[in-house]
mmCIF file of all heavy atoms, coordinates in Angstrom:
data_MODEL
# 
_entry.id   MODEL 
# 
loop_
_atom_site.group_PDB 
_atom_site.id 
_atom_site.type_symbol 
_atom_site.label_atom_id 
_atom_site.label_alt_id 
_atom_site.label_comp_id 
_atom_site.label_asym_id 
_atom_site.label_entity_id 
_atom_site.label_seq_id 
_atom_site.pdbx_PDB_ins_code 
_atom_site.Cartn_x 
_atom_site.Cartn_y 
_atom_site.Cartn_z 
_atom_site.occupancy 
_atom_site.B_iso_or_equiv 
_atom_site.pdbx_formal_charge 
_atom_site.auth_seq_id 
_atom_site.auth_comp_id 
_atom_site.auth_asym_id 
_atom_site.auth_atom_id 
_atom_site.pdbx_PDB_model_num 
ATOM 1   N N   . TYR A 1 1  ? -4.193  -13.482 0.732  1.00 0.00 ? 1  TYR A N   1 
ATOM 2   C CA  . TYR A 1 1  ? -5.052  -13.020 1.834  1.00 0.00 ? 1  TYR A CA  1 
ATOM 3   C C   . TYR A 1 1  ? -5.166  -11.500 1.842  1.00 0.00 ? 1  TYR A C   1 
ATOM 4   O O   . TYR A 1 1  ? -6.218  -10.958 2.188  1.00 0.00 ? 1  TYR A O   1 
ATOM 5   C CB  . TYR A 1 1  ? -4.540  -13.549 3.180  1.00 0.00 ? 1  TYR A CB  1 
ATOM 6   C CG  . TYR A 1 1  ? -4.640  -15.051 3.279  1.00 0.00 ? 1  TYR A CG  1 
ATOM 7   C CD1 . TYR A 1 1  ? -3.546  -15.827 3.599  1.00 0.00 ? 1  TYR A CD1 1 
ATOM 8   C CD2 . TYR A 1 1  ? -5.854  -15.690 3.050  1.00 0.00 ? 1  TYR A CD2 1 
ATOM 9   C CE1 . TYR A 1 1  ? -3.633  -17.217 3.681  1.00 0.00 ? 1  TYR A CE1 1 
ATOM 10  C CE2 . TYR A 1 1  ? -5.957  -17.081 3.130  1.00 0.00 ? 1  TYR A CE2 1 
ATOM 11  C CZ  . TYR A 1 1  ? -4.847  -17.820 3.439  1.00 0.00 ? 1  TYR A CZ  1 
ATOM 12  O OH  . TYR A 1 1  ? -4.953  -19.187 3.515  1.00 0.00 ? 1  TYR A OH  1 
ATOM 13  N N   . VAL A 1 2  ? -4.109  -10.806 1.446  1.00 0.00 ? 2  VAL A N   1 
ATOM 14  C CA  . VAL A 1 2  ? -4.169  -9.345  1.306  1.00 0.00 ? 2  VAL A CA  1 
ATOM 15  C C   . VAL A 1 2  ? -5.259  -8.980  0.297  1.00 0.00 ? 2  VAL A C   1 
ATOM 16  O O   . VAL A 1 2  ? -6.078  -8.089  0.541  1.00 0.00 ? 2  VAL A O   1 
ATOM 17  C CB  . VAL A 1 2  ? -2.795  -8.786  0.860  1.00 0.00 ? 2  VAL A CB  1 
ATOM 18  C CG1 . VAL A 1 2  ? -2.914  -7.358  0.344  1.00 0.00 ? 2  VAL A CG1 1 
ATOM 19  C CG2 . VAL A 1 2  ? -1.776  -8.880  1.993  1.00 0.00 ? 2  VAL A CG2 1 
ATOM 20  N N   . GLN A 1 3  ? -5.289  -9.698  -0.814 1.00 0.00 ? 3  GLN A N   1 
ATOM 21  C CA  . GLN A 1 3  ? -6.290  -9.417  -1.850 1.00 0.00 ? 3  GLN A CA  1 
ATOM 22  C C   . GLN A 1 3  ? -7.693  -9.780  -1.381 1.00 0.00 ? 3  GLN A C   1 
ATOM 23  O O   . GLN A 1 3  ? -8.651  -9.052  -1.658 1.00 0.00 ? 3  GLN A O   1 
ATOM 24  C CB  . GLN A 1 3  ? -5.909  -10.143 -3.136 1.00 0.00 ? 3  GLN A CB  1 
ATOM 25  C CG  . GLN A 1 3  ? -4.643  -9.552  -3.743 1.00 0.00 ? 3  GLN A CG  1 
ATOM 26  C CD  . GLN A 1 3  ? -4.084  -10.362 -4.901 1.00 0.00 ? 3  GLN A CD  1 
ATOM 27  O OE1 . GLN A 1 3  ? -4.135  -11.586 -4.899 1.00 0.00 ? 3  GLN A OE1 1 
ATOM 28  N NE2 . GLN A 1 3  ? -3.538  -9.661  -5.878 1.00 0.00 ? 3  GLN A NE2 1 
ATOM 29  N N   . ILE A 1 4  ? -7.827  -10.877 -0.636 1.00 0.00 ? 4  ILE A N   1 
ATOM 30  C CA  . ILE A 1 4  ? -9.131  -11.241 -0.075 1.00 0.00 ? 4  ILE A CA  1 
ATOM 31  C C   . ILE A 1 4  ? -9.619  -10.126 0.862  1.00 0.00 ? 4  ILE A C   1 
ATOM 32  O O   . ILE A 1 4  ? -10.808 -9.815  0.903  1.00 0.00 ? 4  ILE A O   1 
ATOM 33  C CB  . ILE A 1 4  ? -9.062  -12.592 0.665  1.00 0.00 ? 4  ILE A CB  1 
ATOM 34  C CG1 . ILE A 1 4  ? -8.897  -13.732 -0.354 1.00 0.00 ? 4  ILE A CG1 1 
ATOM 35  C CG2 . ILE A 1 4  ? -10.297 -12.814 1.539  1.00 0.00 ? 4  ILE A CG2 1 
ATOM 36  C CD1 . ILE A 1 4  ? -8.540  -15.068 0.270  1.00 0.00 ? 4  ILE A CD1 1 
ATOM 37  N N   . ALA A 1 5  ? -8.683  -9.512  1.586  1.00 0.00 ? 5  ALA A N   1 
ATOM 38  C CA  . ALA A 1 5  ? -9.040  -8.428  2.509  1.00 0.00 ? 5  ALA A CA  1 
ATOM 39  C C   . ALA A 1 5  ? -9.421  -7.144  1.765  1.00 0.00 ? 5  ALA A C   1 
ATOM 40  O O   . ALA A 1 5  ? -9.913  -6.205  2.377  1.00 0.00 ? 5  ALA A O   1 
ATOM 41  C CB  . ALA A 1 5  ? -7.879  -8.148  3.464  1.00 0.00 ? 5  ALA A CB  1 
ATOM 42  N N   . GLY A 1 6  ? -9.196  -7.111  0.451  1.00 0.00 ? 6  GLY A N   1 
ATOM 43  C CA  . GLY A 1 6  ? -9.610  -5.965  -0.350 1.00 0.00 ? 6  GLY A CA  1 
ATOM 44  C C   . GLY A 1 6  ? -8.499  -4.988  -0.694 1.00 0.00 ? 6  GLY A C   1 
ATOM 45  O O   . GLY A 1 6  ? -8.772  -3.862  -1.105 1.00 0.00 ? 6  GLY A O   1 
ATOM 46  N N   . TYR A 1 7  ? -7.255  -5.401  -0.559 1.00 0.00 ? 7  TYR A N   1 
ATOM 47  C CA  . TYR A 1 7  ? -6.117  -4.524  -0.823 1.00 0.00 ? 7  TYR A CA  1 
ATOM 48  C C   . TYR A 1 7  ? -5.285  -5.052  -1.977 1.00 0.00 ? 7  TYR A C   1 
ATOM 49  O O   . TYR A 1 7  ? -5.302  -6.244  -2.286 1.00 0.00 ? 7  TYR A O   1 
ATOM 50  C CB  . TYR A 1 7  ? -5.227  -4.403  0.430  1.00 0.00 ? 7  TYR A CB  1 
ATOM 51  C CG  . TYR A 1 7  ? -5.917  -3.684  1.547  1.00 0.00 ? 7  TYR A CG  1 
ATOM 52  C CD1 . TYR A 1 7  ? -6.745  -4.361  2.427  1.00 0.00 ? 7  TYR A CD1 1 
ATOM 53  C CD2 . TYR A 1 7  ? -5.766  -2.306  1.709  1.00 0.00 ? 7  TYR A CD2 1 
ATOM 54  C CE1 . TYR A 1 7  ? -7.406  -3.696  3.441  1.00 0.00 ? 7  TYR A CE1 1 
ATOM 55  C CE2 . TYR A 1 7  ? -6.426  -1.643  2.719  1.00 0.00 ? 7  TYR A CE2 1 
ATOM 56  C CZ  . TYR A 1 7  ? -7.246  -2.334  3.581  1.00 0.00 ? 7  TYR A CZ  1 
ATOM 57  O OH  . TYR A 1 7  ? -7.909  -1.675  4.575  1.00 0.00 ? 7  TYR A OH  1 
ATOM 58  N N   . GLN A 1 8  ? -4.536  -4.152  -2.588 1.00 0.00 ? 8  GLN A N   1 
ATOM 59  C CA  . GLN A 1 8  ? -3.577  -4.549  -3.609 1.00 0.00 ? 8  GLN A CA  1 
ATOM 60  C C   . GLN A 1 8  ? -2.344  -5.097  -2.920 1.00 0.00 ? 8  GLN A C   1 
ATOM 61  O O   . GLN A 1 8  ? -1.971  -4.634  -1.851 1.00 0.00 ? 8  GLN A O   1 
ATOM 62  C CB  . GLN A 1 8  ? -3.205  -3.353  -4.489 1.00 0.00 ? 8  GLN A CB  1 
ATOM 63  C CG  . GLN A 1 8  ? -4.360  -2.809  -5.288 1.00 0.00 ? 8  GLN A CG  1 
ATOM 64  C CD  . GLN A 1 8  ? -4.010  -1.534  -6.028 1.00 0.00 ? 8  GLN A CD  1 
ATOM 65  O OE1 . GLN A 1 8  ? -2.863  -1.102  -6.055 1.00 0.00 ? 8  GLN A OE1 1 
ATOM 66  N NE2 . GLN A 1 8  ? -5.013  -0.925  -6.626 1.00 0.00 ? 8  GLN A NE2 1 
ATOM 67  N N   . TYR A 1 9  ? -1.715  -6.070  -3.559 1.00 0.00 ? 9  TYR A N   1 
ATOM 68  C CA  . TYR A 1 9  ? -0.578  -6.779  -2.977 1.00 0.00 ? 9  TYR A CA  1 
ATOM 69  C C   . TYR A 1 9  ? 0.700   -6.414  -3.718 1.00 0.00 ? 9  TYR A C   1 
ATOM 70  O O   . TYR A 1 9  ? 0.737   -6.403  -4.933 1.00 0.00 ? 9  TYR A O   1 
ATOM 71  C CB  . TYR A 1 9  ? -0.867  -8.278  -3.071 1.00 0.00 ? 9  TYR A CB  1 
ATOM 72  C CG  . TYR A 1 9  ? 0.315   -9.220  -3.071 1.00 0.00 ? 9  TYR A CG  1 
ATOM 73  C CD1 . TYR A 1 9  ? 1.167   -9.305  -1.984 1.00 0.00 ? 9  TYR A CD1 1 
ATOM 74  C CD2 . TYR A 1 9  ? 0.555   -10.057 -4.162 1.00 0.00 ? 9  TYR A CD2 1 
ATOM 75  C CE1 . TYR A 1 9  ? 2.238   -10.211 -1.977 1.00 0.00 ? 9  TYR A CE1 1 
ATOM 76  C CE2 . TYR A 1 9  ? 1.611   -10.958 -4.164 1.00 0.00 ? 9  TYR A CE2 1 
ATOM 77  C CZ  . TYR A 1 9  ? 2.444   -11.026 -3.073 1.00 0.00 ? 9  TYR A CZ  1 
ATOM 78  O OH  . TYR A 1 9  ? 3.490   -11.915 -3.070 1.00 0.00 ? 9  TYR A OH  1 
ATOM 79  N N   . ARG A 1 10 ? 1.725   -6.064  -2.942 1.00 0.00 ? 10 ARG A N   1 
ATOM 80  C CA  . ARG A 1 10 ? 3.078   -5.886  -3.473 1.00 0.00 ? 10 ARG A CA  1 
ATOM 81  C C   . ARG A 1 10 ? 4.004   -6.757  -2.652 1.00 0.00 ? 10 ARG A C   1 
ATOM 82  O O   . ARG A 1 10 ? 3.774   -6.975  -1.473 1.00 0.00 ? 10 ARG A O   1 
ATOM 83  C CB  . ARG A 1 10 ? 3.541   -4.424  -3.349 1.00 0.00 ? 10 ARG A CB  1 
ATOM 84  C CG  . ARG A 1 10 ? 2.828   -3.492  -4.305 1.00 0.00 ? 10 ARG A CG  1 
ATOM 85  C CD  . ARG A 1 10 ? 3.521   -2.141  -4.396 1.00 0.00 ? 10 ARG A CD  1 
ATOM 86  N NE  . ARG A 1 10 ? 3.456   -1.411  -3.138 1.00 0.00 ? 10 ARG A NE  1 
ATOM 87  C CZ  . ARG A 1 10 ? 4.399   -0.556  -2.720 1.00 0.00 ? 10 ARG A CZ  1 
ATOM 88  N NH1 . ARG A 1 10 ? 5.482   -0.351  -3.424 1.00 0.00 ? 10 ARG A NH1 1 
ATOM 89  N NH2 . ARG A 1 10 ? 4.260   0.072   -1.581 1.00 0.00 ? 10 ARG A NH2 1 
ATOM 90  N N   . ALA A 1 11 ? 5.065   -7.245  -3.286 1.00 0.00 ? 11 ALA A N   1 
ATOM 91  C CA  . ALA A 1 11 ? 5.968   -8.172  -2.612 1.00 0.00 ? 11 ALA A CA  1 
ATOM 92  C C   . ALA A 1 11 ? 7.387   -7.632  -2.544 1.00 0.00 ? 11 ALA A C   1 
ATOM 93  O O   . ALA A 1 11 ? 7.837   -6.937  -3.459 1.00 0.00 ? 11 ALA A O   1 
ATOM 94  C CB  . ALA A 1 11 ? 5.978   -9.509  -3.353 1.00 0.00 ? 11 ALA A CB  1 
ATOM 95  N N   . ALA A 1 12 ? 8.075   -7.968  -1.464 1.00 0.00 ? 12 ALA A N   1 
ATOM 96  C CA  . ALA A 1 12 ? 9.511   -7.733  -1.323 1.00 0.00 ? 12 ALA A CA  1 
ATOM 97  C C   . ALA A 1 12 ? 10.080  -8.979  -0.665 1.00 0.00 ? 12 ALA A C   1 
ATOM 98  O O   . ALA A 1 12 ? 9.462   -9.558  0.229  1.00 0.00 ? 12 ALA A O   1 
ATOM 99  C CB  . ALA A 1 12 ? 9.784   -6.498  -0.480 1.00 0.00 ? 12 ALA A CB  1 
ATOM 100 N N   . LEU A 1 13 ? 11.267  -9.394  -1.117 1.00 0.00 ? 13 LEU A N   1 
ATOM 101 C CA  . LEU A 1 13 ? 11.854  -10.634 -0.626 1.00 0.00 ? 13 LEU A CA  1 
ATOM 102 C C   . LEU A 1 13 ? 12.985  -10.431 0.365  1.00 0.00 ? 13 LEU A C   1 
ATOM 103 O O   . LEU A 1 13 ? 13.508  -11.392 0.903  1.00 0.00 ? 13 LEU A O   1 
ATOM 104 C CB  . LEU A 1 13 ? 12.338  -11.485 -1.806 1.00 0.00 ? 13 LEU A CB  1 
ATOM 105 C CG  . LEU A 1 13 ? 11.244  -11.899 -2.792 1.00 0.00 ? 13 LEU A CG  1 
ATOM 106 C CD1 . LEU A 1 13 ? 11.852  -12.633 -3.986 1.00 0.00 ? 13 LEU A CD1 1 
ATOM 107 C CD2 . LEU A 1 13 ? 10.196  -12.769 -2.108 1.00 0.00 ? 13 LEU A CD2 1 
ATOM 108 N N   . ASP A 1 14 ? 13.369  -9.175  0.607  1.00 0.00 ? 14 ASP A N   1 
ATOM 109 C CA  . ASP A 1 14 ? 14.421  -8.889  1.585  1.00 0.00 ? 14 ASP A CA  1 
ATOM 110 C C   . ASP A 1 14 ? 14.254  -7.464  2.097  1.00 0.00 ? 14 ASP A C   1 
ATOM 111 O O   . ASP A 1 14 ? 13.430  -6.707  1.597  1.00 0.00 ? 14 ASP A O   1 
ATOM 112 C CB  . ASP A 1 14 ? 15.818  -9.120  0.986  1.00 0.00 ? 14 ASP A CB  1 
ATOM 113 C CG  . ASP A 1 14 ? 16.088  -8.280  -0.247 1.00 0.00 ? 14 ASP A CG  1 
ATOM 114 O OD1 . ASP A 1 14 ? 15.750  -7.070  -0.260 1.00 0.00 ? 14 ASP A OD1 1 
ATOM 115 O OD2 . ASP A 1 14 ? 16.646  -8.828  -1.213 1.00 0.00 ? 14 ASP A OD2 1 
ATOM 116 N N   . GLY A 1 15 ? 15.060  -7.124  3.092  1.00 0.00 ? 15 GLY A N   1 
ATOM 117 C CA  . GLY A 1 15 ? 14.934  -5.818  3.722  1.00 0.00 ? 15 GLY A CA  1 
ATOM 118 C C   . GLY A 1 15 ? 15.262  -4.662  2.795  1.00 0.00 ? 15 GLY A C   1 
ATOM 119 O O   . GLY A 1 15 ? 14.562  -3.645  2.783  1.00 0.00 ? 15 GLY A O   1 
ATOM 120 N N   . ALA A 1 16 ? 16.332  -4.795  1.996  1.00 0.00 ? 16 ALA A N   1 
ATOM 121 C CA  . ALA A 1 16 ? 16.729  -3.703  1.098  1.00 0.00 ? 16 ALA A CA  1 
ATOM 122 C C   . ALA A 1 16 ? 15.650  -3.416  0.067  1.00 0.00 ? 16 ALA A C   1 
ATOM 123 O O   . ALA A 1 16 ? 15.311  -2.250  -0.182 1.00 0.00 ? 16 ALA A O   1 
ATOM 124 C CB  . ALA A 1 16 ? 18.053  -4.046  0.415  1.00 0.00 ? 16 ALA A CB  1 
ATOM 125 N N   . SER A 1 17 ? 15.076  -4.459  -0.530 1.00 0.00 ? 17 SER A N   1 
ATOM 126 C CA  . SER A 1 17 ? 14.027  -4.224  -1.522 1.00 0.00 ? 17 SER A CA  1 
ATOM 127 C C   . SER A 1 17 ? 12.752  -3.713  -0.856 1.00 0.00 ? 17 SER A C   1 
ATOM 128 O O   . SER A 1 17 ? 12.003  -2.936  -1.459 1.00 0.00 ? 17 SER A O   1 
ATOM 129 C CB  . SER A 1 17 ? 13.765  -5.470  -2.369 1.00 0.00 ? 17 SER A CB  1 
ATOM 130 O OG  . SER A 1 17 ? 13.341  -6.541  -1.576 1.00 0.00 ? 17 SER A OG  1 
ATOM 131 N N   . ALA A 1 18 ? 12.516  -4.093  0.386  1.00 0.00 ? 18 ALA A N   1 
ATOM 132 C CA  . ALA A 1 18 ? 11.358  -3.574  1.113  1.00 0.00 ? 18 ALA A CA  1 
ATOM 133 C C   . ALA A 1 18 ? 11.494  -2.067  1.328  1.00 0.00 ? 18 ALA A C   1 
ATOM 134 O O   . ALA A 1 18 ? 10.561  -1.308  1.067  1.00 0.00 ? 18 ALA A O   1 
ATOM 135 C CB  . ALA A 1 18 ? 11.210  -4.279  2.450  1.00 0.00 ? 18 ALA A CB  1 
ATOM 136 N N   . LEU A 1 19 ? 12.661  -1.639  1.792  1.00 0.00 ? 19 LEU A N   1 
ATOM 137 C CA  . LEU A 1 19 ? 12.883  -0.205  2.016  1.00 0.00 ? 19 LEU A CA  1 
ATOM 138 C C   . LEU A 1 19 ? 12.772  0.567   0.714  1.00 0.00 ? 19 LEU A C   1 
ATOM 139 O O   . LEU A 1 19 ? 12.176  1.656   0.675  1.00 0.00 ? 19 LEU A O   1 
ATOM 140 C CB  . LEU A 1 19 ? 14.238  0.011   2.690  1.00 0.00 ? 19 LEU A CB  1 
ATOM 141 C CG  . LEU A 1 19 ? 14.333  -0.528  4.125  1.00 0.00 ? 19 LEU A CG  1 
ATOM 142 C CD1 . LEU A 1 19 ? 15.777  -0.496  4.609  1.00 0.00 ? 19 LEU A CD1 1 
ATOM 143 C CD2 . LEU A 1 19 ? 13.417  0.232   5.073  1.00 0.00 ? 19 LEU A CD2 1 
ATOM 144 N N   . ALA A 1 20 ? 13.314  0.023   -0.373 1.00 0.00 ? 20 ALA A N   1 
ATOM 145 C CA  . ALA A 1 20 ? 13.219  0.681   -1.682 1.00 0.00 ? 20 ALA A CA  1 
ATOM 146 C C   . ALA A 1 20 ? 11.766  0.763   -2.142 1.00 0.00 ? 20 ALA A C   1 
ATOM 147 O O   . ALA A 1 20 ? 11.326  1.798   -2.663 1.00 0.00 ? 20 ALA A O   1 
ATOM 148 C CB  . ALA A 1 20 ? 14.071  -0.060  -2.708 1.00 0.00 ? 20 ALA A CB  1 
ATOM 149 N N   . ALA A 1 21 ? 11.005  -0.307  -1.941 1.00 0.00 ? 21 ALA A N   1 
ATOM 150 C CA  . ALA A 1 21 ? 9.601   -0.322  -2.356 1.00 0.00 ? 21 ALA A CA  1 
ATOM 151 C C   . ALA A 1 21 ? 8.785   0.696   -1.574 1.00 0.00 ? 21 ALA A C   1 
ATOM 152 O O   . ALA A 1 21 ? 7.910   1.365   -2.132 1.00 0.00 ? 21 ALA A O   1 
ATOM 153 C CB  . ALA A 1 21 ? 9.020   -1.728  -2.170 1.00 0.00 ? 21 ALA A CB  1 
ATOM 154 N N   . VAL A 1 22 ? 9.071   0.831   -0.290 1.00 0.00 ? 22 VAL A N   1 
ATOM 155 C CA  . VAL A 1 22 ? 8.338   1.790   0.541  1.00 0.00 ? 22 VAL A CA  1 
ATOM 156 C C   . VAL A 1 22 ? 8.684   3.217   0.119  1.00 0.00 ? 22 VAL A C   1 
ATOM 157 O O   . VAL A 1 22 ? 7.807   4.082   0.063  1.00 0.00 ? 22 VAL A O   1 
ATOM 158 C CB  . VAL A 1 22 ? 8.628   1.558   2.037  1.00 0.00 ? 22 VAL A CB  1 
ATOM 159 C CG1 . VAL A 1 22 ? 8.048   2.671   2.890  1.00 0.00 ? 22 VAL A CG1 1 
ATOM 160 C CG2 . VAL A 1 22 ? 8.080   0.215   2.483  1.00 0.00 ? 22 VAL A CG2 1 
ATOM 161 N N   . ARG A 1 23 ? 9.956   3.458   -0.187 1.00 0.00 ? 23 ARG A N   1 
ATOM 162 C CA  . ARG A 1 23 ? 10.350  4.802   -0.643 1.00 0.00 ? 23 ARG A CA  1 
ATOM 163 C C   . ARG A 1 23 ? 9.706   5.143   -1.991 1.00 0.00 ? 23 ARG A C   1 
ATOM 164 O O   . ARG A 1 23 ? 9.365   6.290   -2.246 1.00 0.00 ? 23 ARG A O   1 
ATOM 165 C CB  . ARG A 1 23 ? 11.866  4.902   -0.726 1.00 0.00 ? 23 ARG A CB  1 
ATOM 166 C CG  . ARG A 1 23 ? 12.523  4.949   0.638  1.00 0.00 ? 23 ARG A CG  1 
ATOM 167 C CD  . ARG A 1 23 ? 14.033  5.177   0.548  1.00 0.00 ? 23 ARG A CD  1 
ATOM 168 N NE  . ARG A 1 23 ? 14.643  4.931   1.838  1.00 0.00 ? 23 ARG A NE  1 
ATOM 169 C CZ  . ARG A 1 23 ? 15.356  3.845   2.149  1.00 0.00 ? 23 ARG A CZ  1 
ATOM 170 N NH1 . ARG A 1 23 ? 15.580  2.917   1.241  1.00 0.00 ? 23 ARG A NH1 1 
ATOM 171 N NH2 . ARG A 1 23 ? 15.861  3.705   3.350  1.00 0.00 ? 23 ARG A NH2 1 
ATOM 172 N N   . ALA A 1 24 ? 9.544   4.158   -2.861 1.00 0.00 ? 24 ALA A N   1 
ATOM 173 C CA  . ALA A 1 24 ? 8.943   4.380   -4.177 1.00 0.00 ? 24 ALA A CA  1 
ATOM 174 C C   . ALA A 1 24 ? 7.453   4.668   -4.065 1.00 0.00 ? 24 ALA A C   1 
ATOM 175 O O   . ALA A 1 24 ? 6.922   5.512   -4.782 1.00 0.00 ? 24 ALA A O   1 
ATOM 176 C CB  . ALA A 1 24 ? 9.180   3.167   -5.072 1.00 0.00 ? 24 ALA A CB  1 
# 
């Protein structure tokens, strides 16, 4: 649905990887 909305999609499966992905 993110892609249908016109955005690129990135995934994180837990809080630690989410914080790392946002920092990157």
